[in-house]
Amino acid sequence: MSGGEIGMLVLETVLRIRREHASGKAIKAIARDLHLSRGVVRKAVRAPEADMAYRREVQPLPKLGPFQ
């Protein structure tokens, strides 16, 4: 995991972290409530906006051939 990546956090968790931090809650308190490390919470707060759209880069070819 490189710097800036949030890792395997669920999008809802990331949004909750950002919402609570924007409302003035401390990173340490958020980490305690969600049972996460302060570093993970800090990365979620500082990371660029999460991309909510799923995009497949290449459509894989079907292994069985065309449907008949």
C-alpha atoms as a PDB file:
ATOM      1  CA  MET A   1       0.000   0.000   0.000  1.00  0.00           C
ATOM      2  CA  SER A   2       1.565   3.269  -1.088  1.00  0.00           C
ATOM      3  CA  GLY A   3       1.161   6.592   0.647  1.00  0.00           C
ATOM      4  CA  GLY A   4      -2.276   8.110   0.245  1.00  0.00           C
ATOM      5  CA  GLU A   5      -4.094   4.833  -0.291  1.00  0.00           C
ATOM      6  CA  ILE A   6      -6.742   3.995   2.237  1.00  0.00           C
ATOM      7  CA  GLY A   7      -6.551   0.250   1.726  1.00  0.00           C
ATOM      8  CA  MET A   8      -9.442  -2.086   2.392  1.00  0.00           C
ATOM      9  CA  LEU A   9     -11.762   0.275   4.247  1.00  0.00           C
ATOM     10  CA  VAL A  10     -15.359   0.161   3.113  1.00  0.00           C
ATOM     11  CA  LEU A  11     -16.566   3.354   1.470  1.00  0.00           C
ATOM     12  CA  GLU A  12     -19.222   3.859   4.149  1.00  0.00           C
ATOM     13  CA  THR A  13     -16.531   3.773   6.839  1.00  0.00           C
ATOM     14  CA  VAL A  14     -14.400   6.329   5.006  1.00  0.00           C
ATOM     15  CA  LEU A  15     -17.385   8.633   4.574  1.00  0.00           C
ATOM     16  CA  ARG A  16     -18.304   8.263   8.249  1.00  0.00           C
ATOM     17  CA  ILE A  17     -14.735   9.113   9.284  1.00  0.00           C
ATOM     18  CA  ARG A  18     -14.756  12.236   7.108  1.00  0.00           C
ATOM     19  CA  ARG A  19     -18.212  13.297   8.299  1.00  0.00           C
ATOM     20  CA  GLU A  20     -17.276  12.959  11.972  1.00  0.00           C
ATOM     21  CA  HIS A  21     -13.980  14.777  11.445  1.00  0.00           C
ATOM     22  CA  ALA A  22     -15.739  17.618   9.610  1.00  0.00           C
ATOM     23  CA  SER A  23     -18.145  17.969  12.537  1.00  0.00           C
ATOM     24  CA  GLY A  24     -15.180  18.611  14.830  1.00  0.00           C
ATOM     25  CA  LYS A  25     -14.552  15.197  16.357  1.00  0.00           C
ATOM     26  CA  ALA A  26     -10.898  14.407  17.087  1.00  0.00           C
ATOM     27  CA  ILE A  27      -9.045  11.725  15.128  1.00  0.00           C
ATOM     28  CA  LYS A  28      -8.256   9.878  18.348  1.00  0.00           C
ATOM     29  CA  ALA A  29     -11.943   9.773  19.326  1.00  0.00           C
ATOM     30  CA  ILE A  30     -12.985   8.562  15.860  1.00  0.00           C
ATOM     31  CA  ALA A  31     -10.347   5.824  15.993  1.00  0.00           C
ATOM     32  CA  ARG A  32     -11.560   4.728  19.425  1.00  0.00           C
ATOM     33  CA  ASP A  33     -15.227   4.620  18.372  1.00  0.00           C
ATOM     34  CA  LEU A  34     -14.605   2.681  15.143  1.00  0.00           C
ATOM     35  CA  HIS A  35     -11.879   0.395  16.562  1.00  0.00           C
ATOM     36  CA  LEU A  36      -9.317   1.605  14.016  1.00  0.00           C
ATOM     37  CA  SER A  37      -5.793   2.883  14.447  1.00  0.00           C
ATOM     38  CA  ARG A  38      -5.201   6.629  14.467  1.00  0.00           C
ATOM     39  CA  GLY A  39      -2.999   6.229  11.398  1.00  0.00           C
ATOM     40  CA  VAL A  40      -5.803   4.648   9.385  1.00  0.00           C
ATOM     41  CA  VAL A  41      -8.213   7.396  10.411  1.00  0.00           C
ATOM     42  CA  ARG A  42      -5.620  10.054   9.571  1.00  0.00           C
ATOM     43  CA  LYS A  43      -5.090   8.544   6.100  1.00  0.00           C
ATOM     44  CA  ALA A  44      -8.834   8.470   5.472  1.00  0.00           C
ATOM     45  CA  VAL A  45      -9.147  12.132   6.463  1.00  0.00           C
ATOM     46  CA  ARG A  46      -6.174  13.287   4.370  1.00  0.00           C
ATOM     47  CA  ALA A  47      -6.791  11.121   1.296  1.00  0.00           C
ATOM     48  CA  PRO A  48      -8.275  12.697  -1.827  1.00  0.00           C
ATOM     49  CA  GLU A  49     -11.988  12.228  -2.383  1.00  0.00           C
ATOM     50  CA  ALA A  50     -13.012   8.595  -2.755  1.00  0.00           C
ATOM     51  CA  ASP A  51     -14.086   7.600  -6.241  1.00  0.00           C
ATOM     52  CA  MET A  52     -17.518   6.008  -5.944  1.00  0.00           C
ATOM     53  CA  ALA A  53     -17.793   4.850  -9.548  1.00  0.00           C
ATOM     54  CA  TYR A  54     -16.766   1.344 -10.550  1.00  0.00           C
ATOM     55  CA  ARG A  55     -14.956   1.229 -13.857  1.00  0.00           C
ATOM     56  CA  ARG A  56     -13.733  -1.941 -15.516  1.00  0.00           C
ATOM     57  CA  GLU A  57     -10.615  -1.248 -17.564  1.00  0.00           C
ATOM     58  CA  VAL A  58     -10.957  -4.079 -20.088  1.00  0.00           C
ATOM     59  CA  GLN A  59     -13.988  -6.256 -20.729  1.00  0.00           C
ATOM     60  CA  PRO A  60     -12.756  -9.870 -20.506  1.00  0.00           C
ATOM     61  CA  LEU A  61     -13.616 -12.231 -23.335  1.00  0.00           C
ATOM     62  CA  PRO A  62     -16.072 -15.017 -22.450  1.00  0.00           C
ATOM     63  CA  LYS A  63     -14.381 -18.379 -21.955  1.00  0.00           C
ATOM     64  CA  LEU A  64     -17.273 -20.406 -23.390  1.00  0.00           C
ATOM     65  CA  GLY A  65     -17.819 -18.444 -26.578  1.00  0.00           C
ATOM     66  CA  PRO A  66     -20.920 -16.541 -27.660  1.00  0.00           C
ATOM     67  CA  PHE A  67     -24.313 -17.414 -26.201  1.00  0.00           C
ATOM     68  CA  GLN A  68     -26.548 -19.359 -28.604  1.00  0.00           C
END
